[in-house]
C-alpha atoms as a PDB file:
ATOM      1  CA  MET A   1       5.501 110.292 101.731  1.00  0.00           C
ATOM      2  CA  ASN A   2       5.202 110.141 105.323  1.00  0.00           C
ATOM      3  CA  VAL A   3       3.515 112.934 107.293  1.00  0.00           C
ATOM      4  CA  ARG A   4       3.944 112.959 111.043  1.00  0.00           C
ATOM      5  CA  TYR A   5       1.747 115.386 112.650  1.00  0.00           C
ATOM      6  CA  PRO A   6       2.712 115.740 116.614  1.00  0.00           C
ATOM      7  CA  MET A   7      -0.068 114.996 118.440  1.00  0.00           C
ATOM      8  CA  PRO A   8      -0.495 117.902 121.598  1.00  0.00           C
ATOM      9  CA  THR A   9      -1.724 116.689 125.343  1.00  0.00           C
ATOM     10  CA  THR A  10      -4.301 118.525 126.174  1.00  0.00           C
ATOM     11  CA  LYS A  11      -8.080 116.596 125.700  1.00  0.00           C
ATOM     12  CA  GLY A  12     -10.507 116.511 123.313  1.00  0.00           C
ATOM     13  CA  LYS A  13     -11.476 114.989 119.674  1.00  0.00           C
ATOM     14  CA  VAL A  14      -8.200 114.676 117.488  1.00  0.00           C
ATOM     15  CA  LYS A  15      -9.793 114.911 113.276  1.00  0.00           C
ATOM     16  CA  LEU A  16      -8.497 115.408 110.060  1.00  0.00           C
ATOM     17  CA  SER A  17      -9.405 118.654 108.711  1.00  0.00           C
ATOM     18  CA  SER A  18      -9.691 120.370 104.805  1.00  0.00           C
ATOM     19  CA  GLY A  19     -10.277 123.878 104.870  1.00  0.00           C
ATOM     20  CA  GLU A  20      -8.936 127.454 104.691  1.00  0.00           C
ATOM     21  CA  TYR A  21      -6.637 127.386 106.743  1.00  0.00           C
ATOM     22  CA  SER A  22      -5.528 123.543 107.448  1.00  0.00           C
ATOM     23  CA  THR A  23      -5.243 122.144 103.979  1.00  0.00           C
ATOM     24  CA  MET A  24      -2.406 120.635 101.792  1.00  0.00           C
ATOM     25  CA  HIS A  25      -1.480 118.525  98.766  1.00  0.00           C
ATOM     26  CA  ALA A  26       2.026 117.362  97.114  1.00  0.00           C
ATOM     27  CA  HIS A  27       2.760 116.621  93.219  1.00  0.00           C
ATOM     28  CA  PHE A  28       4.493 113.411  92.278  1.00  0.00           C
ATOM     29  CA  TYR A  29       6.516 113.775  88.875  1.00  0.00           C
ATOM     30  CA  SER A  30       7.445 110.074  87.312  1.00  0.00           C
ATOM     31  CA  ALA A  31      10.547 110.772  84.779  1.00  0.00           C
ATOM     32  CA  TRP A  32      10.934 107.184  83.822  1.00  0.00           C
ATOM     33  CA  GLU A  33      10.788 106.434  80.284  1.00  0.00           C
ATOM     34  CA  ALA A  34       6.780 103.822  81.115  1.00  0.00           C
ATOM     35  CA  GLY A  35       9.036 100.867  78.599  1.00  0.00           C
ATOM     36  CA  LYS A  36      12.545 100.595  81.318  1.00  0.00           C
ATOM     37  CA  LEU A  37       9.767 101.321  84.035  1.00  0.00           C
ATOM     38  CA  ALA A  38       8.315  97.798  83.056  1.00  0.00           C
ATOM     39  CA  GLU A  39      11.007  95.938  82.553  1.00  0.00           C
ATOM     40  CA  LEU A  40      12.788  97.232  86.129  1.00  0.00           C
ATOM     41  CA  VAL A  41      10.154  96.358  87.511  1.00  0.00           C
ATOM     42  CA  ASP A  42       9.916  92.574  85.864  1.00  0.00           C
ATOM     43  CA  SER A  43      13.385  92.151  86.497  1.00  0.00           C
ATOM     44  CA  CYS A  44      14.258  93.599  90.035  1.00  0.00           C
ATOM     45  CA  ILE A  45      10.760  93.907  92.022  1.00  0.00           C
ATOM     46  CA  ASN A  46       8.776  91.454  90.722  1.00  0.00           C
ATOM     47  CA  ALA A  47      11.731  88.554  89.617  1.00  0.00           C
ATOM     48  CA  GLY A  48      11.474  87.070  92.855  1.00  0.00           C
ATOM     49  CA  LEU A  49      14.366  86.098  94.955  1.00  0.00           C
ATOM     50  CA  PHE A  50      18.022  86.241  94.602  1.00  0.00           C
ATOM     51  CA  THR A  51      20.464  83.764  95.372  1.00  0.00           C
ATOM     52  CA  ALA A  52      23.663  82.435  94.195  1.00  0.00           C
ATOM     53  CA  SER A  53      21.829  80.359  91.367  1.00  0.00           C
ATOM     54  CA  ASN A  54      19.753  82.768  90.363  1.00  0.00           C
ATOM     55  CA  PRO A  55      22.069  86.222  90.795  1.00  0.00           C
ATOM     56  CA  LYS A  56      20.987  89.634  91.273  1.00  0.00           C
ATOM     57  CA  PRO A  57      21.038  91.819  87.424  1.00  0.00           C
ATOM     58  CA  GLU A  58      23.554  94.696  87.537  1.00  0.00           C
ATOM     59  CA  GLU A  59      20.878  97.029  86.436  1.00  0.00           C
ATOM     60  CA  CYS A  60      19.103  96.070  89.598  1.00  0.00           C
ATOM     61  CA  LYS A  61      22.243  96.943  91.790  1.00  0.00           C
ATOM     62  CA  ILE A  62      21.608 100.746  93.164  1.00  0.00           C
ATOM     63  CA  THR A  63      25.365 102.251  92.726  1.00  0.00           C
ATOM     64  CA  GLY A  64      26.527 105.774  94.593  1.00  0.00           C
ATOM     65  CA  THR A  65      25.971 108.978  91.861  1.00  0.00           C
END
């Protein structure tokens, strides 16, 4: 997750704050089955470069829904 905050053009110090008026948090829920996720990471991400002689497996190709 990327969050961008516009910076004011006024003078002064900039600091991140966490307190009563300036807090936020986020949640991430992984719904993948752990074994299937590990299999896809191994075969789609850690398998090295895909080439004509080492083509990308079908299960790694992104398709529209």
